[in-house]
Amino acid sequence: MSLPKDLLEILVCPKCKGDLEYRTAPTEELVCRSCRLRYAVDDGIPIMLIDEAKPL
């Protein structure tokens, strides 16, 4: 499942408000290179909680 393009255009990192990179492999996730955090996407829903993010 992939996220809609219009949603990806408005999503930002909840920690630094920076741009996110959308990755689909090996797992679907959103990556903030500034904070070096990965946000999971579960069943097409981005989990944008800082406490749930994983380090790069």
Protein backbone atom coordinates (compact mmCIF):
# COMPACT_ATOMS: atom_id res chain seq x y z
CA MET A 1 0.00 0.00 0.00
CA SER A 2 1.34 3.44 -0.77
CA LEU A 3 0.51 6.83 0.67
CA PRO A 4 -1.31 9.35 -1.52
CA LYS A 5 0.94 11.98 -3.09
CA ASP A 6 -1.14 14.88 -1.71
CA LEU A 7 -0.68 13.51 1.83
CA LEU A 8 3.08 13.14 1.37
CA GLU A 9 3.29 16.79 0.27
CA ILE A 10 1.88 18.07 3.58
CA LEU A 11 3.50 15.68 6.07
CA VAL A 12 6.53 17.00 7.97
CA CYS A 13 8.65 15.62 10.78
CA PRO A 14 6.82 16.23 14.07
CA LYS A 15 10.12 16.91 15.83
CA CYS A 16 11.90 19.42 13.54
CA LYS A 17 9.16 20.21 10.98
CA GLY A 18 11.57 19.15 8.22
CA ASP A 19 10.92 17.22 5.03
CA LEU A 20 10.29 13.49 5.12
CA GLU A 21 11.48 10.86 2.68
CA TYR A 22 8.94 8.13 1.86
CA ARG A 23 10.41 4.63 1.64
CA THR A 24 8.57 1.49 0.63
CA ALA A 25 11.33 -1.09 0.95
CA PRO A 26 12.27 -3.02 2.95
CA THR A 27 9.41 -1.61 5.06
CA GLU A 28 7.01 1.26 4.47
CA GLU A 29 8.23 4.25 6.50
CA LEU A 30 8.82 7.98 6.54
CA VAL A 31 12.39 9.12 7.22
CA CYS A 32 13.65 12.44 8.58
CA ARG A 33 17.31 12.82 7.66
CA SER A 34 17.75 15.88 9.92
CA CYS A 35 16.60 14.11 13.09
CA ARG A 36 17.77 10.70 11.86
CA LEU A 37 14.42 9.14 12.77
CA ARG A 38 12.14 6.64 11.00
CA TYR A 39 8.36 6.79 11.38
CA ALA A 40 6.46 3.59 10.62
CA VAL A 41 3.50 3.38 8.26
CA ASP A 42 1.00 0.72 9.39
CA ASP A 43 -1.75 -0.27 6.94
CA GLY A 44 -1.37 3.04 5.11
CA ILE A 45 -1.46 5.14 8.30
CA PRO A 46 1.69 7.10 9.21
CA ILE A 47 2.56 6.78 12.91
CA MET A 48 3.88 10.28 13.52
CA LEU A 49 4.61 10.02 17.24
CA ILE A 50 8.13 11.03 18.26
CA ASP A 51 8.16 8.42 21.03
CA GLU A 52 7.34 5.68 18.49
CA ALA A 53 10.03 6.73 15.99
CA LYS A 54 13.13 4.56 15.53
CA PRO A 55 16.66 5.85 14.94
CA LEU A 56 18.27 5.49 11.52
